[in-house]
Amino acid sequence: MENTPNPNPAPENKQPPAMPSLLTMAGNLAYTAGAAVTNAVIHQQVMTSDNVYNKRLETCNSCDAYDKEQWRCTKCGCYMRAKARMIAAKCPLSKWTE
């Protein structure tokens, strides 16, 4: 009997992309939150404008390190819809220019 490929193969169990360790993610969160608190204490702006926020998310969406299903960066582990709003936040790959 000839071995023909199945025209309807079972879907593969797609594993979510690997994220940084919890310690690394906690450090990233602490840095960004600390910088935001510092900005607030010295009466500087904490959140980005909508324009900057949208540019940051566009950059993330075109990046190979961005997990679009979880809205997370696989380099820092952050949820980018939240991180991109923070003025003090930095892209771990230095792709944000503003």
Foldseek 3Di string as FASTA:
>chain_A
DDDDDDPDDDDDPDDDDAADDPVLLVVLVCQLVVVLVVCVVVVHDFFDDPVQLVVVVVQLVVDPQADPVQCAGRHNGDNSNVQSGTPSHADPVRPRDD
